[in-house]
Amino acid sequence: METMMEHPRLSRLYRLQWEAAQHAHVLLYPEGMVKLNGSAAEILKRCDGRSSLPDIVAQLEQAFSASGLAADVQAFVADARQRGWLV
């Protein structure tokens, strides 16, 4: 189970980039590509191994003038970790 103080980062197997042909951010990996929705991309962009989950939530809430994002961000990070996208 993840703790609130972990510092998630992309697995070395994945690369996050903007793909103009897809009109979206994608995760590239040796076997293919995952097209991301805007929310997923914004979270993953902040998973740099330096920012804690509370930091990421605060950055997102500030960037999008929103509040109460912690549960959704934590759920996404947990799912992304299960998929192997984050370590």
PDB file of N, CA and C in Angstrom:
ATOM      1  N   MET A   1       0.852  -1.188   0.000  1.00  0.00           N
ATOM      2  CA  MET A   1       0.000   0.000   0.000  1.00  0.00           C
ATOM      3  C   MET A   1       0.894   1.248   0.000  1.00  0.00           C
ATOM      4  N   GLU A   2       0.515   2.209  -0.775  1.00  0.00           N
ATOM      5  CA  GLU A   2       1.332   3.406  -0.883  1.00  0.00           C
ATOM      6  C   GLU A   2       1.170   4.311   0.330  1.00  0.00           C
ATOM      7  N   THR A   3       2.219   5.015   0.633  1.00  0.00           N
ATOM      8  CA  THR A   3       2.140   5.995   1.702  1.00  0.00           C
ATOM      9  C   THR A   3       2.044   7.370   1.072  1.00  0.00           C
ATOM     10  N   MET A   4       1.576   8.310   1.835  1.00  0.00           N
ATOM     11  CA  MET A   4       1.398   9.670   1.313  1.00  0.00           C
ATOM     12  C   MET A   4       2.737  10.345   1.015  1.00  0.00           C
ATOM     13  N   MET A   5       3.838   9.825   1.535  1.00  0.00           N
ATOM     14  CA  MET A   5       5.109  10.521   1.370  1.00  0.00           C
ATOM     15  C   MET A   5       5.987   9.931   0.277  1.00  0.00           C
ATOM     16  N   GLU A   6       5.509   8.926  -0.416  1.00  0.00           N
ATOM     17  CA  GLU A   6       6.354   8.376  -1.472  1.00  0.00           C
ATOM     18  C   GLU A   6       6.548   9.392  -2.597  1.00  0.00           C
ATOM     19  N   HIS A   7       7.552   9.151  -3.411  1.00  0.00           N
ATOM     20  CA  HIS A   7       7.912  10.037  -4.514  1.00  0.00           C
ATOM     21  C   HIS A   7       7.845   9.245  -5.816  1.00  0.00           C
ATOM     22  N   PRO A   8       6.671   9.107  -6.401  1.00  0.00           N
ATOM     23  CA  PRO A   8       6.539   8.261  -7.601  1.00  0.00           C
ATOM     24  C   PRO A   8       7.283   8.844  -8.800  1.00  0.00           C
ATOM     25  N   ARG A   9       7.772   7.935  -9.644  1.00  0.00           N
ATOM     26  CA  ARG A   9       8.416   8.331 -10.889  1.00  0.00           C
ATOM     27  C   ARG A   9       8.096   7.286 -11.945  1.00  0.00           C
ATOM     28  N   LEU A  10       8.222   7.692 -13.206  1.00  0.00           N
ATOM     29  CA  LEU A  10       7.980   6.766 -14.304  1.00  0.00           C
ATOM     30  C   LEU A  10       8.992   5.633 -14.266  1.00  0.00           C
ATOM     31  N   SER A  11       8.521   4.447 -14.584  1.00  0.00           N
ATOM     32  CA  SER A  11       9.414   3.314 -14.754  1.00  0.00           C
ATOM     33  C   SER A  11      10.348   3.615 -15.922  1.00  0.00           C
ATOM     34  N   ARG A  12      11.532   3.081 -15.884  1.00  0.00           N
ATOM     35  CA  ARG A  12      12.500   3.299 -16.967  1.00  0.00           C
ATOM     36  C   ARG A  12      12.052   2.682 -18.284  1.00  0.00           C
ATOM     37  N   LEU A  13      11.071   1.801 -18.228  1.00  0.00           N
ATOM     38  CA  LEU A  13      10.555   1.164 -19.446  1.00  0.00           C
ATOM     39  C   LEU A  13       9.640   2.082 -20.242  1.00  0.00           C
ATOM     40  N   TYR A  14       9.208   3.198 -19.634  1.00  0.00           N
ATOM     41  CA  TYR A  14       8.220   4.083 -20.254  1.00  0.00           C
ATOM     42  C   TYR A  14       8.784   5.471 -20.483  1.00  0.00           C
ATOM     43  N   ARG A  15       8.280   6.111 -21.520  1.00  0.00           N
ATOM     44  CA  ARG A  15       8.622   7.508 -21.803  1.00  0.00           C
ATOM     45  C   ARG A  15       7.323   8.254 -22.078  1.00  0.00           C
ATOM     46  N   LEU A  16       7.122   9.354 -21.378  1.00  0.00           N
ATOM     47  CA  LEU A  16       5.942  10.204 -21.552  1.00  0.00           C
ATOM     48  C   LEU A  16       6.270  11.275 -22.570  1.00  0.00           C
ATOM     49  N   GLN A  17       5.436  11.412 -23.588  1.00  0.00           N
ATOM     50  CA  GLN A  17       5.654  12.482 -24.561  1.00  0.00           C
ATOM     51  C   GLN A  17       4.344  12.867 -25.230  1.00  0.00           C
ATOM     52  N   TRP A  18       4.329  14.081 -25.801  1.00  0.00           N
ATOM     53  CA  TRP A  18       3.197  14.561 -26.599  1.00  0.00           C
ATOM     54  C   TRP A  18       3.291  13.919 -27.969  1.00  0.00           C
ATOM     55  N   GLU A  19       2.205  13.373 -28.442  1.00  0.00           N
ATOM     56  CA  GLU A  19       2.153  12.747 -29.758  1.00  0.00           C
ATOM     57  C   GLU A  19       1.138  13.519 -30.591  1.00  0.00           C
ATOM     58  N   ALA A  20       1.636  14.356 -31.499  1.00  0.00           N
ATOM     59  CA  ALA A  20       0.754  15.215 -32.303  1.00  0.00           C
ATOM     60  C   ALA A  20      -0.250  14.397 -33.103  1.00  0.00           C
ATOM     61  N   ALA A  21       0.163  13.258 -33.630  1.00  0.00           N
ATOM     62  CA  ALA A  21      -0.741  12.437 -34.430  1.00  0.00           C
ATOM     63  C   ALA A  21      -1.910  11.913 -33.593  1.00  0.00           C
ATOM     64  N   GLN A  22      -1.691  11.744 -32.294  1.00  0.00           N
ATOM     65  CA  GLN A  22      -2.744  11.259 -31.391  1.00  0.00           C
ATOM     66  C   GLN A  22      -3.510  12.415 -30.738  1.00  0.00           C
ATOM     67  N   HIS A  23      -2.973  13.629 -30.874  1.00  0.00           N
ATOM     68  CA  HIS A  23      -3.532  14.805 -30.191  1.00  0.00           C
ATOM     69  C   HIS A  23      -3.630  14.556 -28.689  1.00  0.00           C
ATOM     70  N   ALA A  24      -2.589  13.885 -28.155  1.00  0.00           N
ATOM     71  CA  ALA A  24      -2.599  13.533 -26.732  1.00  0.00           C
ATOM     72  C   ALA A  24      -1.193  13.167 -26.279  1.00  0.00           C
ATOM     73  N   HIS A  25      -1.014  13.182 -24.963  1.00  0.00           N
ATOM     74  CA  HIS A  25       0.208  12.620 -24.402  1.00  0.00           C
ATOM     75  C   HIS A  25       0.081  11.104 -24.460  1.00  0.00           C
ATOM     76  N   VAL A  26       1.212  10.456 -24.627  1.00  0.00           N
ATOM     77  CA  VAL A  26       1.249   8.996 -24.672  1.00  0.00           C
ATOM     78  C   VAL A  26       2.402   8.500 -23.802  1.00  0.00           C
ATOM     79  N   LEU A  27       2.271   7.253 -23.380  1.00  0.00           N
ATOM     80  CA  LEU A  27       3.369   6.547 -22.743  1.00  0.00           C
ATOM     81  C   LEU A  27       3.902   5.569 -23.776  1.00  0.00           C
ATOM     82  N   LEU A  28       5.153   5.739 -24.127  1.00  0.00           N
ATOM     83  CA  LEU A  28       5.784   4.820 -25.070  1.00  0.00           C
ATOM     84  C   LEU A  28       6.554   3.771 -24.288  1.00  0.00           C
ATOM     85  N   TYR A  29       6.496   2.535 -24.767  1.00  0.00           N
ATOM     86  CA  TYR A  29       7.253   1.440 -24.171  1.00  0.00           C
ATOM     87  C   TYR A  29       7.624   0.470 -25.275  1.00  0.00           C
ATOM     88  N   PRO A  30       8.545  -0.459 -25.017  1.00  0.00           N
ATOM     89  CA  PRO A  30       9.060  -1.299 -26.109  1.00  0.00           C
ATOM     90  C   PRO A  30       7.992  -2.027 -26.924  1.00  0.00           C
ATOM     91  N   GLU A  31       6.896  -2.440 -26.295  1.00  0.00           N
ATOM     92  CA  GLU A  31       5.881  -3.200 -27.015  1.00  0.00           C
ATOM     93  C   GLU A  31       4.772  -2.339 -27.605  1.00  0.00           C
ATOM     94  N   GLY A  32       4.788  -1.027 -27.361  1.00  0.00           N
ATOM     95  CA  GLY A  32       3.701  -0.227 -27.903  1.00  0.00           C
ATOM     96  C   GLY A  32       3.571   1.145 -27.276  1.00  0.00           C
ATOM     97  N   MET A  33       2.303   1.549 -27.145  1.00  0.00           N
ATOM     98  CA  MET A  33       1.999   2.910 -26.717  1.00  0.00           C
ATOM     99  C   MET A  33       0.667   2.910 -25.977  1.00  0.00           C
ATOM    100  N   VAL A  34       0.566   3.760 -24.961  1.00  0.00           N
ATOM    101  CA  VAL A  34      -0.682   3.970 -24.233  1.00  0.00           C
ATOM    102  C   VAL A  34      -1.071   5.423 -24.439  1.00  0.00           C
ATOM    103  N   LYS A  35      -2.240   5.667 -25.014  1.00  0.00           N
ATOM    104  CA  LYS A  35      -2.753   7.032 -25.173  1.00  0.00           C
ATOM    105  C   LYS A  35      -3.396   7.446 -23.859  1.00  0.00           C
ATOM    106  N   LEU A  36      -3.018   8.609 -23.363  1.00  0.00           N
ATOM    107  CA  LEU A  36      -3.477   9.083 -22.061  1.00  0.00           C
ATOM    108  C   LEU A  36      -4.530  10.178 -22.210  1.00  0.00           C
ATOM    109  N   ASN A  37      -5.450  10.223 -21.267  1.00  0.00           N
ATOM    110  CA  ASN A  37      -6.354  11.377 -21.226  1.00  0.00           C
ATOM    111  C   ASN A  37      -5.609  12.523 -20.543  1.00  0.00           C
ATOM    112  N   GLY A  38      -6.181  13.693 -20.581  1.00  0.00           N
ATOM    113  CA  GLY A  38      -5.511  14.881 -20.053  1.00  0.00           C
ATOM    114  C   GLY A  38      -5.165  14.786 -18.582  1.00  0.00           C
ATOM    115  N   SER A  39      -6.065  14.250 -17.773  1.00  0.00           N
ATOM    116  CA  SER A  39      -5.808  14.140 -16.338  1.00  0.00           C
ATOM    117  C   SER A  39      -4.644  13.208 -16.055  1.00  0.00           C
ATOM    118  N   ALA A  40      -4.630  12.062 -16.720  1.00  0.00           N
ATOM    119  CA  ALA A  40      -3.544  11.097 -16.520  1.00  0.00           C
ATOM    120  C   ALA A  40      -2.199  11.724 -16.896  1.00  0.00           C
ATOM    121  N   ALA A  41      -2.172  12.426 -18.008  1.00  0.00           N
ATOM    122  CA  ALA A  41      -0.929  13.056 -18.450  1.00  0.00           C
ATOM    123  C   ALA A  41      -0.452  14.098 -17.438  1.00  0.00           C
ATOM    124  N   GLU A  42      -1.366  14.899 -16.922  1.00  0.00           N
ATOM    125  CA  GLU A  42      -0.977  15.936 -15.958  1.00  0.00           C
ATOM    126  C   GLU A  42      -0.403  15.325 -14.688  1.00  0.00           C
ATOM    127  N   ILE A  43      -0.981  14.223 -14.235  1.00  0.00           N
ATOM    128  CA  ILE A  43      -0.443  13.558 -13.050  1.00  0.00           C
ATOM    129  C   ILE A  43       0.931  12.973 -13.360  1.00  0.00           C
ATOM    130  N   LEU A  44       1.042  12.234 -14.461  1.00  0.00           N
ATOM    131  CA  LEU A  44       2.310  11.581 -14.784  1.00  0.00           C
ATOM    132  C   LEU A  44       3.432  12.582 -15.033  1.00  0.00           C
ATOM    133  N   LYS A  45       3.110  13.742 -15.587  1.00  0.00           N
ATOM    134  CA  LYS A  45       4.142  14.766 -15.803  1.00  0.00           C
ATOM    135  C   LYS A  45       4.790  15.189 -14.492  1.00  0.00           C
ATOM    136  N   ARG A  46       4.048  15.069 -13.410  1.00  0.00           N
ATOM    137  CA  ARG A  46       4.541  15.511 -12.111  1.00  0.00           C
ATOM    138  C   ARG A  46       5.188  14.387 -11.307  1.00  0.00           C
ATOM    139  N   CYS A  47       5.132  13.167 -11.810  1.00  0.00           N
ATOM    140  CA  CYS A  47       5.747  12.020 -11.124  1.00  0.00           C
ATOM    141  C   CYS A  47       7.212  11.941 -11.543  1.00  0.00           C
ATOM    142  N   ASP A  48       8.019  12.793 -10.914  1.00  0.00           N
ATOM    143  CA  ASP A  48       9.415  12.969 -11.307  1.00  0.00           C
ATOM    144  C   ASP A  48      10.406  12.334 -10.335  1.00  0.00           C
ATOM    145  N   GLY A  49       9.902  11.647  -9.311  1.00  0.00           N
ATOM    146  CA  GLY A  49      10.777  11.041  -8.320  1.00  0.00           C
ATOM    147  C   GLY A  49      11.230  12.008  -7.238  1.00  0.00           C
ATOM    148  N   ARG A  50      10.938  13.273  -7.413  1.00  0.00           N
ATOM    149  CA  ARG A  50      11.295  14.289  -6.422  1.00  0.00           C
ATOM    150  C   ARG A  50      10.072  14.778  -5.661  1.00  0.00           C
ATOM    151  N   SER A  51       8.928  14.816  -6.329  1.00  0.00           N
ATOM    152  CA  SER A  51       7.701  15.323  -5.715  1.00  0.00           C
ATOM    153  C   SER A  51       6.964  14.203  -4.988  1.00  0.00           C
ATOM    154  N   SER A  52       6.525  14.502  -3.761  1.00  0.00           N
ATOM    155  CA  SER A  52       5.724  13.540  -3.012  1.00  0.00           C
ATOM    156  C   SER A  52       4.278  13.607  -3.518  1.00  0.00           C
ATOM    157  N   LEU A  53       3.475  12.630  -3.131  1.00  0.00           N
ATOM    158  CA  LEU A  53       2.068  12.667  -3.533  1.00  0.00           C
ATOM    159  C   LEU A  53       1.367  13.943  -3.071  1.00  0.00           C
ATOM    160  N   PRO A  54       1.569  14.382  -1.808  1.00  0.00           N
ATOM    161  CA  PRO A  54       0.947  15.656  -1.421  1.00  0.00           C
ATOM    162  C   PRO A  54       1.417  16.835  -2.276  1.00  0.00           C
ATOM    163  N   ASP A  55       2.692  16.831  -2.659  1.00  0.00           N
ATOM    164  CA  ASP A  55       3.216  17.889  -3.536  1.00  0.00           C
ATOM    165  C   ASP A  55       2.512  17.855  -4.889  1.00  0.00           C
ATOM    166  N   ILE A  56       2.363  16.653  -5.442  1.00  0.00           N
ATOM    167  CA  ILE A  56       1.713  16.499  -6.749  1.00  0.00           C
ATOM    168  C   ILE A  56       0.274  16.981  -6.683  1.00  0.00           C
ATOM    169  N   VAL A  57      -0.428  16.598  -5.630  1.00  0.00           N
ATOM    170  CA  VAL A  57      -1.818  17.051  -5.452  1.00  0.00           C
ATOM    171  C   VAL A  57      -1.862  18.574  -5.367  1.00  0.00           C
ATOM    172  N   ALA A  58      -0.982  19.153  -4.584  1.00  0.00           N
ATOM    173  CA  ALA A  58      -0.962  20.615  -4.429  1.00  0.00           C
ATOM    174  C   ALA A  58      -0.664  21.301  -5.765  1.00  0.00           C
ATOM    175  N   GLN A  59       0.271  20.754  -6.526  1.00  0.00           N
ATOM    176  CA  GLN A  59       0.596  21.332  -7.837  1.00  0.00           C
ATOM    177  C   GLN A  59      -0.621  21.298  -8.761  1.00  0.00           C
ATOM    178  N   LEU A  60      -1.316  20.170  -8.773  1.00  0.00           N
ATOM    179  CA  LEU A  60      -2.493  20.027  -9.641  1.00  0.00           C
ATOM    180  C   LEU A  60      -3.620  20.953  -9.203  1.00  0.00           C
ATOM    181  N   GLU A  61      -3.855  21.021  -7.896  1.00  0.00           N
ATOM    182  CA  GLU A  61      -4.919  21.890  -7.393  1.00  0.00           C
ATOM    183  C   GLU A  61      -4.629  23.345  -7.713  1.00  0.00           C
ATOM    184  N   GLN A  62      -3.375  23.743  -7.619  1.00  0.00           N
ATOM    185  CA  GLN A  62      -3.009  25.111  -7.957  1.00  0.00           C
ATOM    186  C   GLN A  62      -3.122  25.349  -9.462  1.00  0.00           C
ATOM    187  N   ALA A  63      -2.609  24.435 -10.262  1.00  0.00           N
ATOM    188  CA  ALA A  63      -2.604  24.609 -11.718  1.00  0.00           C
ATOM    189  C   ALA A  63      -4.017  24.687 -12.293  1.00  0.00           C
ATOM    190  N   PHE A  64      -4.946  23.970 -11.686  1.00  0.00           N
ATOM    191  CA  PHE A  64      -6.289  23.898 -12.250  1.00  0.00           C
ATOM    192  C   PHE A  64      -7.351  24.543 -11.363  1.00  0.00           C
ATOM    193  N   SER A  65      -6.908  25.347 -10.400  1.00  0.00           N
ATOM    194  CA  SER A  65      -7.829  26.038  -9.487  1.00  0.00           C
ATOM    195  C   SER A  65      -8.905  25.081  -8.983  1.00  0.00           C
ATOM    196  N   ALA A  66      -8.446  23.959  -8.445  1.00  0.00           N
ATOM    197  CA  ALA A  66      -9.351  22.918  -7.967  1.00  0.00           C
ATOM    198  C   ALA A  66      -8.976  22.558  -6.534  1.00  0.00           C
ATOM    199  N   SER A  67      -9.854  21.833  -5.887  1.00  0.00           N
ATOM    200  CA  SER A  67      -9.546  21.322  -4.549  1.00  0.00           C
ATOM    201  C   SER A  67     -10.140  19.928  -4.422  1.00  0.00           C
ATOM    202  N   GLY A  68      -9.670  19.198  -3.437  1.00  0.00           N
ATOM    203  CA  GLY A  68     -10.202  17.868  -3.186  1.00  0.00           C
ATOM    204  C   GLY A  68      -9.764  16.814  -4.185  1.00  0.00           C
ATOM    205  N   LEU A  69      -8.572  16.974  -4.764  1.00  0.00           N
ATOM    206  CA  LEU A  69      -8.099  16.020  -5.778  1.00  0.00           C
ATOM    207  C   LEU A  69      -7.318  14.850  -5.198  1.00  0.00           C
ATOM    208  N   ALA A  70      -7.012  14.873  -3.921  1.00  0.00           N
ATOM    209  CA  ALA A  70      -6.107  13.879  -3.330  1.00  0.00           C
ATOM    210  C   ALA A  70      -6.557  12.444  -3.582  1.00  0.00           C
ATOM    211  N   ALA A  71      -7.805  12.126  -3.334  1.00  0.00           N
ATOM    212  CA  ALA A  71      -8.266  10.738  -3.480  1.00  0.00           C
ATOM    213  C   ALA A  71      -8.137  10.263  -4.926  1.00  0.00           C
ATOM    214  N   ASP A  72      -8.498  11.124  -5.886  1.00  0.00           N
ATOM    215  CA  ASP A  72      -8.407  10.740  -7.294  1.00  0.00           C
ATOM    216  C   ASP A  72      -6.950  10.557  -7.725  1.00  0.00           C
ATOM    217  N   VAL A  73      -6.078  11.446  -7.275  1.00  0.00           N
ATOM    218  CA  VAL A  73      -4.661  11.335  -7.638  1.00  0.00           C
ATOM    219  C   VAL A  73      -4.070  10.071  -7.022  1.00  0.00           C
ATOM    220  N   GLN A  74      -4.378   9.818  -5.762  1.00  0.00           N
ATOM    221  CA  GLN A  74      -3.863   8.615  -5.105  1.00  0.00           C
ATOM    222  C   GLN A  74      -4.358   7.357  -5.813  1.00  0.00           C
ATOM    223  N   ALA A  75      -5.624   7.327  -6.216  1.00  0.00           N
ATOM    224  CA  ALA A  75      -6.176   6.161  -6.914  1.00  0.00           C
ATOM    225  C   ALA A  75      -5.479   5.964  -8.260  1.00  0.00           C
ATOM    226  N   PHE A  76      -5.251   7.067  -8.983  1.00  0.00           N
ATOM    227  CA  PHE A  76      -4.563   6.949 -10.275  1.00  0.00           C
ATOM    228  C   PHE A  76      -3.142   6.446 -10.088  1.00  0.00           C
ATOM    229  N   VAL A  77      -2.420   6.995  -9.112  1.00  0.00           N
ATOM    230  CA  VAL A  77      -1.039   6.578  -8.873  1.00  0.00           C
ATOM    231  C   VAL A  77      -0.997   5.094  -8.502  1.00  0.00           C
ATOM    232  N   ALA A  78      -1.923   4.647  -7.686  1.00  0.00           N
ATOM    233  CA  ALA A  78      -1.968   3.227  -7.320  1.00  0.00           C
ATOM    234  C   ALA A  78      -2.206   2.362  -8.556  1.00  0.00           C
ATOM    235  N   ASP A  79      -3.122   2.783  -9.414  1.00  0.00           N
ATOM    236  CA  ASP A  79      -3.406   2.036 -10.640  1.00  0.00           C
ATOM    237  C   ASP A  79      -2.200   2.040 -11.580  1.00  0.00           C
ATOM    238  N   ALA A  80      -1.575   3.201 -11.731  1.00  0.00           N
ATOM    239  CA  ALA A  80      -0.406   3.308 -12.599  1.00  0.00           C
ATOM    240  C   ALA A  80       0.744   2.450 -12.082  1.00  0.00           C
ATOM    241  N   ARG A  81       0.866   2.359 -10.778  1.00  0.00           N
ATOM    242  CA  ARG A  81       1.903   1.497 -10.187  1.00  0.00           C
ATOM    243  C   ARG A  81       1.588   0.028 -10.499  1.00  0.00           C
ATOM    244  N   GLN A  82       0.330  -0.367 -10.362  1.00  0.00           N
ATOM    245  CA  GLN A  82      -0.063  -1.747 -10.674  1.00  0.00           C
ATOM    246  C   GLN A  82       0.214  -2.096 -12.133  1.00  0.00           C
ATOM    247  N   ARG A  83       0.028  -1.140 -13.016  1.00  0.00           N
ATOM    248  CA  ARG A  83       0.275  -1.352 -14.446  1.00  0.00           C
ATOM    249  C   ARG A  83       1.766  -1.332 -14.787  1.00  0.00           C
ATOM    250  N   GLY A  84       2.586  -0.948 -13.810  1.00  0.00           N
ATOM    251  CA  GLY A  84       4.027  -0.903 -14.038  1.00  0.00           C
ATOM    252  C   GLY A  84       4.524   0.405 -14.589  1.00  0.00           C
ATOM    253  N   TRP A  85       3.629   1.405 -14.711  1.00  0.00           N
ATOM    254  CA  TRP A  85       4.032   2.686 -15.263  1.00  0.00           C
ATOM    255  C   TRP A  85       4.892   3.473 -14.277  1.00  0.00           C
ATOM    256  N   LEU A  86       4.583   3.338 -12.981  1.00  0.00           N
ATOM    257  CA  LEU A  86       5.288   4.087 -11.943  1.00  0.00           C
ATOM    258  C   LEU A  86       6.002   3.153 -10.982  1.00  0.00           C
ATOM    259  N   VAL A  87       7.098   3.642 -10.457  1.00  0.00           N
ATOM    260  CA  VAL A  87       7.830   2.933  -9.404  1.00  0.00           C
ATOM    261  C   VAL A  87       8.014   3.867  -8.226  1.00  0.00           C
TER     262      VAL A  87
END
